[in-house]
């Protein structure tokens, strides 16, 4: 049994905090729900001191935090609490911040008769696909299911993105440390050795001369670094346009496959959850296309909704324009023929999420030893080039 710290709400919206023993976070969540409480945040006591127990106070919050908000909204709505009161509860959680005013404004809009989805859109907190699902599901009264489904989807997506970031963190740290070590050697050790050699009127070994030349080049580059960085910031909109960067991503070997698999997974997953929320296919496609994190790829999907409105099958467009791999298109065809398109899209999303993880693992398997090997060669050469002059002097 572990001790957990929790924050929950009762049916009146009152905040309840405490500590309790439980087998797991899921077990404690179940216990709290049986007591009529709505769990919002649970953390092991050993970790609770080192984490933020409240959501961030800025208006821009992460996907995981949005997922927590949607989960809370779904549970509250399922317990019969009116949506205006739910917005008031959310506002109370962000007292003294911009988000408090944002959620209070949303409450006022709904009280005046504005659709819940439109009020959520104006907060600039919730993604477009969530807003569209809410607008589609308002009349059916299925908001609780929509909130919780969207919460689970966002949580999966946030976890997926963190895995990608985490996989790239280690090699990035190794490269940065190696670069810093190289600068120290170039700017501290090499000049001292050159000075010693000058005192003895000795010829500098060839390996050391290479390092000296490299050191001179590095000095020039470091002097140009700041003005280059300033120019890059000033003209970033012209130099680093989204189209250029997106095109570059699709040209990098191996990374291209990871990037595309991630896009396929996100697009299919979003489309699946939109269809489960009751949106018609053409509108769901329009919303799902907004989640495509590459303008070059998004351009290919642009006319898909028009194609569907003309009464044609989505799979025909995807196959004709070679927008998805054949395996994914075949699954979509099965979904269209059996009436289970939502399930097939969810399967496509799951397959490409696993494919992305597999590609990342393979990439890391190659990158980590390759990075260490390159750094080891550089370090060995630097050590050789700096020690050789000292050895020559001691021999003479």
Protein backbone atom coordinates (compact mmCIF):
# COMPACT_ATOMS: atom_id res chain seq x y z
CA UNK A 1 0.00 0.00 0.00
CA UNK A 2 1.27 3.46 -0.91
CA UNK A 3 0.22 6.85 0.43
CA UNK A 4 -1.30 9.24 -2.09
CA UNK A 5 -2.19 12.91 -1.89
CA UNK A 6 -5.37 13.86 -3.72
CA UNK A 7 -7.50 16.82 -4.72
CA UNK A 8 -11.18 16.20 -5.48
CA UNK A 9 -14.57 17.94 -5.58
CA UNK A 10 -17.92 17.05 -4.07
CA UNK A 11 -21.22 17.40 -5.97
CA UNK A 12 -21.62 21.00 -4.77
CA UNK A 13 -18.27 21.91 -6.31
CA UNK A 14 -16.44 22.23 -2.97
CA UNK A 15 -12.75 21.32 -3.09
CA UNK A 16 -11.60 18.41 -0.93
CA UNK A 17 -7.91 17.64 -0.27
CA UNK A 18 -6.34 14.81 1.66
CA UNK A 19 -3.91 11.90 1.98
CA UNK A 20 -4.86 8.24 1.90
CA UNK A 21 -3.39 4.77 1.52
CA UNK A 22 -4.32 2.83 -1.61
CA UNK A 23 -3.04 0.03 -3.85
CA UNK A 24 -2.67 2.40 -6.80
CA UNK A 25 -3.84 5.74 -8.19
CA UNK A 26 -6.66 3.93 -10.01
CA UNK A 27 -7.75 2.22 -6.78
CA UNK A 28 -7.85 5.53 -4.89
CA UNK A 29 -9.78 7.14 -7.77
CA UNK A 30 -12.40 4.38 -7.49
CA UNK A 31 -12.61 4.78 -3.69
CA UNK A 32 -13.13 8.55 -3.98
CA UNK A 33 -15.84 8.13 -6.63
CA UNK A 34 -17.67 5.64 -4.38
CA UNK A 35 -17.72 8.37 -1.70
CA UNK A 36 -19.40 10.76 -4.13
CA UNK A 37 -16.23 12.74 -4.77
CA UNK A 38 -14.86 13.65 -8.18
CA UNK A 39 -11.07 13.04 -8.19
CA UNK A 40 -9.14 15.69 -10.10
CA UNK A 41 -5.50 15.09 -9.21
CA UNK A 42 -3.76 12.21 -7.44
CA UNK A 43 -0.02 11.87 -6.73
CA UNK A 44 2.18 9.63 -4.55
CA UNK A 45 3.24 11.55 -1.43
CA UNK A 46 6.92 10.92 -2.25
CA UNK A 47 6.45 12.79 -5.54
CA UNK A 48 3.86 15.32 -4.49
CA UNK A 49 6.43 17.73 -3.04
CA UNK A 50 8.30 17.85 -6.31
CA UNK A 51 5.36 18.43 -8.62
CA UNK A 52 2.87 21.19 -9.24
CA UNK A 53 -0.30 20.20 -7.41
CA UNK A 54 -2.30 22.78 -9.32
CA UNK A 55 -2.53 23.36 -13.04
CA UNK A 56 -0.51 26.14 -14.59
CA UNK A 57 -1.96 29.62 -14.20
CA UNK A 58 -1.19 30.85 -17.72
CA UNK A 59 -3.88 30.78 -20.39
CA UNK A 60 -1.78 28.49 -22.58
CA UNK A 61 -1.93 25.08 -20.92
CA UNK A 62 -0.65 21.71 -22.07
CA UNK A 63 -2.66 18.94 -23.73
CA UNK A 64 -2.37 16.87 -20.55
CA UNK A 65 -3.82 19.68 -18.46
CA UNK A 66 -6.66 20.13 -20.96
CA UNK A 67 -7.27 16.37 -20.70
CA UNK A 68 -7.59 16.72 -16.91
CA UNK A 69 -10.07 19.59 -17.31
CA UNK A 70 -12.19 17.60 -19.78
CA UNK A 71 -12.17 14.55 -17.52
CA UNK A 72 -13.38 16.66 -14.62
CA UNK A 73 -16.08 18.27 -16.80
CA UNK A 74 -17.25 14.82 -17.94
CA UNK A 75 -17.53 13.46 -14.39
CA UNK A 76 -19.29 16.59 -13.10
CA UNK A 77 -21.75 16.59 -16.01
CA UNK A 78 -22.43 12.87 -15.50
CA UNK A 79 -23.30 13.61 -11.85
CA UNK A 80 -26.00 16.05 -12.99
CA UNK A 81 -24.17 19.33 -12.40
CA UNK A 82 -25.23 22.04 -14.87
CA UNK A 83 -22.62 23.22 -17.37
CA UNK A 84 -22.73 26.80 -16.01
CA UNK A 85 -21.83 25.49 -12.56
CA UNK A 86 -19.05 23.38 -14.09
CA UNK A 87 -17.48 26.50 -15.65
CA UNK A 88 -17.76 28.22 -12.25
CA UNK A 89 -15.95 25.29 -10.60
CA UNK A 90 -13.19 25.51 -13.22
CA UNK A 91 -12.90 29.27 -12.64
CA UNK A 92 -12.58 28.69 -8.89
CA UNK A 93 -9.59 26.39 -9.50
CA UNK A 94 -7.74 29.24 -11.24
CA UNK A 95 -8.50 32.05 -8.79
CA UNK A 96 -6.45 35.18 -9.41
CA UNK A 97 -5.38 34.13 -12.91
CA UNK A 98 -6.43 34.99 -16.44
CA UNK A 99 -8.10 31.59 -16.71
CA UNK A 100 -10.51 32.46 -13.90
CA UNK A 101 -11.88 35.32 -16.01
CA UNK A 102 -11.89 33.09 -19.11
CA UNK A 103 -14.07 30.39 -17.53
CA UNK A 104 -16.37 32.93 -15.84
CA UNK A 105 -16.90 34.55 -19.24
CA UNK A 106 -17.71 31.13 -20.73
CA UNK A 107 -20.23 30.61 -17.90
CA UNK A 108 -21.89 33.94 -18.71
CA UNK A 109 -22.06 33.13 -22.43
CA UNK A 110 -23.77 29.78 -21.78
CA UNK A 111 -26.17 31.40 -19.28
CA UNK A 112 -27.14 33.89 -22.01
CA UNK A 113 -28.03 31.02 -24.33
CA UNK A 114 -24.84 30.56 -26.35
CA UNK A 115 -24.04 26.92 -27.28
CA UNK A 116 -21.54 25.27 -24.93
CA UNK A 117 -19.20 24.49 -27.83
CA UNK A 118 -19.05 28.13 -28.93
CA UNK A 119 -18.36 29.25 -25.35
CA UNK A 120 -15.54 26.69 -25.15
CA UNK A 121 -14.14 27.89 -28.49
CA UNK A 122 -13.91 31.47 -27.19
CA UNK A 123 -11.79 30.36 -24.21
CA UNK A 124 -8.93 29.44 -26.61
CA UNK A 125 -8.19 26.58 -24.20
CA UNK A 126 -9.87 23.64 -25.90
CA UNK A 127 -8.73 22.18 -29.27
CA UNK A 128 -10.96 22.62 -32.33
CA UNK A 129 -11.85 18.93 -32.50
CA UNK A 130 -13.20 19.04 -28.92
CA UNK A 131 -15.30 22.13 -29.71
CA UNK A 132 -16.77 20.50 -32.84
CA UNK A 133 -17.58 17.30 -30.92
CA UNK A 134 -19.34 19.32 -28.21
CA UNK A 135 -21.35 21.30 -30.79
CA UNK A 136 -22.40 18.04 -32.46
CA UNK A 137 -23.25 16.29 -29.20
CA UNK A 138 -25.05 19.09 -27.36
CA UNK A 139 -28.49 18.26 -28.72
CA UNK A 140 -28.13 14.55 -28.00
CA UNK A 141 -27.16 15.22 -24.38
CA UNK A 142 -24.05 13.05 -24.70
CA UNK A 143 -21.67 15.72 -23.39
CA UNK A 144 -20.37 13.58 -20.52
CA UNK A 145 -19.27 10.82 -22.92
CA UNK A 146 -17.76 13.39 -25.31
CA UNK A 147 -15.77 15.13 -22.55
CA UNK A 148 -14.35 11.86 -21.22
CA UNK A 149 -13.60 10.43 -24.71
CA UNK A 150 -11.78 13.64 -25.69
CA UNK A 151 -9.91 13.58 -22.37
CA UNK A 152 -8.63 10.04 -22.95
CA UNK A 153 -7.62 10.87 -26.53
CA UNK A 154 -5.70 14.01 -25.49
CA UNK A 155 -4.00 12.09 -22.68
CA UNK A 156 -2.84 9.42 -25.16
CA UNK A 157 -1.60 12.08 -27.60
CA UNK A 158 0.25 13.97 -24.83
CA UNK A 159 1.89 10.74 -23.65
CA UNK A 160 2.85 9.92 -27.26
CA UNK A 161 4.46 13.35 -27.79
CA UNK A 162 6.39 13.02 -24.51
CA UNK A 163 7.80 9.67 -25.67
CA UNK A 164 9.07 11.29 -28.86
CA UNK A 165 10.63 14.20 -26.94
CA UNK A 166 12.13 11.88 -24.35
CA UNK A 167 13.71 9.68 -27.02
CA UNK A 168 15.54 12.66 -28.50
CA UNK A 169 16.66 14.15 -25.17
CA UNK A 170 19.62 11.82 -24.49
CA UNK A 171 21.48 12.29 -27.81
CA UNK A 172 20.82 16.04 -27.64
CA UNK A 173 22.41 16.21 -24.16
CA UNK A 174 25.42 14.13 -25.29
CA UNK A 175 25.98 16.37 -28.34
CA UNK A 176 25.73 19.58 -26.28
CA UNK A 177 28.14 18.28 -23.62
CA UNK A 178 30.56 17.14 -26.34
CA UNK A 179 30.39 20.55 -28.03
CA UNK A 180 31.05 22.38 -24.74
CA UNK A 181 34.00 20.08 -23.99
CA UNK A 182 35.40 20.75 -27.47
CA UNK A 183 35.16 24.52 -26.98
CA UNK A 184 36.96 24.28 -23.62
CA UNK A 185 39.78 22.24 -25.18
CA UNK A 186 40.07 24.64 -28.12
CA UNK A 187 39.97 27.84 -26.09
CA UNK A 188 41.96 26.76 -23.01
CA UNK A 189 44.25 23.76 -23.62
CA UNK A 190 45.37 24.38 -27.23
CA UNK A 191 46.51 28.04 -26.75
CA UNK A 192 48.61 27.05 -23.71
CA UNK A 193 50.36 24.25 -25.61
CA UNK A 194 51.09 26.60 -28.52
CA UNK A 195 52.59 29.13 -26.10
CA UNK A 196 54.85 26.44 -24.58
CA UNK A 197 56.04 25.32 -28.02
CA UNK A 198 56.79 28.89 -29.01
CA UNK A 199 59.15 29.23 -26.03
CA UNK A 200 61.18 26.22 -27.21
CA UNK A 201 61.18 27.22 -30.90
CA UNK A 202 59.91 23.78 -31.82
CA UNK A 203 57.75 22.81 -34.80
CA UNK A 204 54.20 21.98 -33.84
CA UNK A 205 53.17 18.39 -34.75
CA UNK A 206 50.80 17.97 -37.71
CA UNK A 207 47.89 16.70 -35.55
CA UNK A 208 48.22 19.73 -33.30
CA UNK A 209 48.31 22.07 -36.32
CA UNK A 210 44.96 20.61 -37.42
CA UNK A 211 43.53 21.35 -33.98
CA UNK A 212 44.99 24.88 -34.11
CA UNK A 213 43.37 25.52 -37.50
CA UNK A 214 40.09 24.15 -36.21
CA UNK A 215 40.43 26.36 -33.12
CA UNK A 216 40.92 29.45 -35.32
CA UNK A 217 37.85 28.57 -37.40
CA UNK A 218 35.84 27.96 -34.22
CA UNK A 219 36.89 31.37 -32.82
CA UNK A 220 35.60 33.09 -35.96
CA UNK A 221 32.35 31.09 -35.84
CA UNK A 222 31.80 31.97 -32.18
CA UNK A 223 32.29 35.67 -32.98
CA UNK A 224 29.71 35.38 -35.75
CA UNK A 225 27.31 33.37 -33.59
CA UNK A 226 25.60 36.28 -31.81
CA UNK A 227 25.07 38.53 -34.89
CA UNK A 228 23.92 35.47 -36.88
CA UNK A 229 21.47 34.54 -34.12
CA UNK A 230 20.14 38.12 -34.00
CA UNK A 231 19.65 38.18 -37.79
CA UNK A 232 17.97 34.77 -37.66
CA UNK A 233 15.51 36.04 -35.03
CA UNK A 234 14.80 39.28 -36.93
CA UNK A 235 14.26 37.56 -40.28
CA UNK A 236 12.96 34.23 -38.96
CA UNK A 237 9.59 34.65 -40.72
CA UNK A 238 11.36 34.95 -44.08
CA UNK A 239 14.14 32.43 -43.49
CA UNK A 240 12.37 29.77 -41.46
CA UNK A 241 8.96 29.76 -43.14
CA UNK A 242 6.63 26.94 -42.15
CA UNK A 243 6.65 25.57 -45.70
CA UNK A 244 10.47 25.42 -45.76
CA UNK A 245 10.71 23.77 -42.37
CA UNK A 246 7.95 21.27 -43.19
CA UNK A 247 9.58 20.46 -46.51
CA UNK A 248 12.93 19.99 -44.72
CA UNK A 249 11.34 17.54 -42.24
CA UNK A 250 10.15 15.40 -45.15
CA UNK A 251 13.66 15.25 -46.63
CA UNK A 252 15.57 14.09 -43.54
CA UNK A 253 16.30 10.35 -43.84
CA UNK A 254 14.65 8.20 -41.17
CA UNK A 255 13.12 11.24 -39.40
CA UNK A 256 10.75 11.54 -42.38
CA UNK A 257 9.26 8.10 -41.61
CA UNK A 258 8.84 8.98 -37.92
CA UNK A 259 7.22 12.31 -38.78
CA UNK A 260 4.76 10.79 -41.29
CA UNK A 261 3.80 7.87 -39.01
CA UNK A 262 3.09 10.35 -36.22
CA UNK A 263 0.89 12.43 -38.58
CA UNK A 264 -1.05 9.35 -39.78
CA UNK A 265 -1.67 8.24 -36.19
CA UNK A 266 -2.86 11.66 -35.01
CA UNK A 267 -5.07 12.29 -38.07
CA UNK A 268 -6.78 8.89 -37.97
CA UNK A 269 -7.25 9.05 -34.19
CA UNK A 270 -8.77 12.53 -34.32
CA UNK A 271 -11.09 11.56 -37.18
CA UNK A 272 -12.19 8.44 -35.30
CA UNK A 273 -13.07 10.34 -32.13
CA UNK A 274 -14.90 13.04 -34.12
CA UNK A 275 -17.05 10.39 -35.82
CA UNK A 276 -17.77 8.82 -32.42
CA UNK A 277 -18.95 12.27 -31.28
CA UNK A 278 -21.57 12.36 -34.03
CA UNK A 279 -19.96 14.63 -36.63
CA UNK A 280 -20.68 13.92 -40.31
CA UNK A 281 -17.66 12.57 -42.18
CA UNK A 282 -17.01 15.64 -44.35
CA UNK A 283 -17.00 18.01 -41.36
CA UNK A 284 -14.97 15.56 -39.26
CA UNK A 285 -12.34 15.42 -42.01
CA UNK A 286 -12.16 19.25 -42.14
CA UNK A 287 -11.53 19.41 -38.38
CA UNK A 288 -9.08 16.46 -38.37
CA UNK A 289 -7.07 18.08 -41.16
CA UNK A 290 -6.30 21.00 -38.81
CA UNK A 291 -4.34 18.61 -36.57
CA UNK A 292 -1.87 17.68 -39.34
CA UNK A 293 1.48 19.02 -38.15
CA UNK A 294 2.93 19.58 -41.62
CA UNK A 295 1.64 22.12 -44.15
CA UNK A 296 2.91 20.08 -47.14
CA UNK A 297 0.98 16.99 -46.02
CA UNK A 298 -2.06 19.08 -45.02
CA UNK A 299 -2.23 20.53 -48.54
CA UNK A 300 -2.75 17.02 -49.93
CA UNK A 301 -5.72 16.46 -47.59
CA UNK A 302 -7.31 19.85 -48.34
CA UNK A 303 -9.85 18.69 -50.94
CA UNK A 304 -10.84 15.46 -49.19
CA UNK A 305 -13.96 16.96 -47.55
CA UNK A 306 -15.16 18.32 -50.93
CA UNK A 307 -14.66 14.86 -52.45
CA UNK A 308 -16.79 13.31 -49.67
CA UNK A 309 -19.57 15.91 -50.08
CA UNK A 310 -19.77 14.89 -53.74
CA UNK A 311 -20.78 11.43 -52.54
CA UNK A 312 -17.48 9.69 -53.25
CA UNK A 313 -15.67 7.33 -50.90
CA UNK A 314 -12.84 8.66 -48.75
CA UNK A 315 -10.70 5.60 -49.48
CA UNK A 316 -10.80 6.32 -53.24
CA UNK A 317 -9.37 9.82 -52.68
CA UNK A 318 -6.68 8.55 -50.30
CA UNK A 319 -5.61 5.80 -52.70
CA UNK A 320 -5.76 8.00 -55.82
CA UNK A 321 -3.57 10.72 -54.27
CA UNK A 322 -1.29 8.27 -52.40
CA UNK A 323 -1.90 10.12 -49.15
CA UNK A 324 -1.73 7.11 -46.82
CA UNK A 325 0.12 3.80 -47.00
CA UNK A 326 -1.78 0.98 -48.74
CA UNK A 327 -2.24 -0.94 -45.48
CA UNK A 328 -4.05 2.02 -43.89
CA UNK A 329 -6.24 2.55 -46.98
CA UNK A 330 -7.24 -1.13 -46.99
CA UNK A 331 -8.40 -0.88 -43.37
CA UNK A 332 -10.41 2.25 -44.22
CA UNK A 333 -12.04 0.40 -47.16
CA UNK A 334 -13.07 -2.39 -44.76
CA UNK A 335 -14.52 0.25 -42.41
CA UNK A 336 -16.51 1.85 -45.23
CA UNK A 337 -17.90 -1.49 -46.43
CA UNK A 338 -18.83 -2.79 -42.97
CA UNK A 339 -20.08 0.49 -41.52
CA UNK A 340 -17.31 0.43 -38.90
CA UNK A 341 -15.20 3.31 -40.20
CA UNK A 342 -14.78 4.78 -36.72
CA UNK A 343 -13.31 1.51 -35.38
CA UNK A 344 -11.04 1.03 -38.40
CA UNK A 345 -9.69 4.58 -38.10
CA UNK A 346 -8.99 3.95 -34.42
CA UNK A 347 -7.11 0.79 -35.44
CA UNK A 348 -5.11 2.74 -38.06
CA UNK A 349 -4.21 5.29 -35.37
CA UNK A 350 -3.09 2.55 -32.97
CA UNK A 351 -1.01 0.78 -35.66
CA UNK A 352 0.85 3.94 -36.66
CA UNK A 353 1.36 5.00 -33.06
CA UNK A 354 3.11 1.68 -32.46
CA UNK A 355 4.97 2.05 -35.77
CA UNK A 356 6.22 5.48 -34.70
CA UNK A 357 7.42 4.11 -31.36
CA UNK A 358 9.16 1.23 -33.16
CA UNK A 359 10.89 3.64 -35.57
CA UNK A 360 11.99 5.86 -32.67
CA UNK A 361 13.43 2.88 -30.79
CA UNK A 362 15.26 1.74 -33.93
CA UNK A 363 16.52 5.29 -34.51
CA UNK A 364 17.77 5.52 -30.92
CA UNK A 365 19.44 2.10 -31.19
CA UNK A 366 21.52 3.48 -34.06
CA UNK A 367 21.88 7.10 -32.91
CA UNK A 368 23.10 6.58 -29.34
CA UNK A 369 26.17 4.42 -30.12
CA UNK A 370 26.87 6.44 -33.29
CA UNK A 371 26.85 9.70 -31.30
CA UNK A 372 29.13 8.24 -28.63
CA UNK A 373 31.46 6.79 -31.28
CA UNK A 374 31.83 10.12 -33.10
CA UNK A 375 32.42 11.97 -29.83
CA UNK A 376 34.93 9.32 -28.73
CA UNK A 377 36.89 9.73 -31.99
CA UNK A 378 36.95 13.51 -31.61
CA UNK A 379 37.96 13.34 -27.95
CA UNK A 380 40.68 10.76 -28.71
CA UNK A 381 42.05 12.95 -31.50
CA UNK A 382 41.98 16.07 -29.29
CA UNK A 383 43.76 14.21 -26.48
CA UNK A 384 46.35 12.85 -28.92
CA UNK A 385 46.90 16.29 -30.50
CA UNK A 386 47.34 18.00 -27.12
CA UNK A 387 49.49 15.32 -25.47
CA UNK A 388 51.78 14.69 -28.48
CA UNK A 389 53.57 18.08 -28.24
CA UNK A 390 54.18 17.58 -24.52
CA UNK A 391 55.51 14.08 -25.18
CA UNK A 392 57.85 15.38 -27.93
CA UNK A 393 59.24 18.08 -25.64
CA UNK A 394 59.86 15.60 -22.83
CA UNK A 395 61.73 13.26 -25.23
CA UNK A 396 63.95 16.09 -26.51
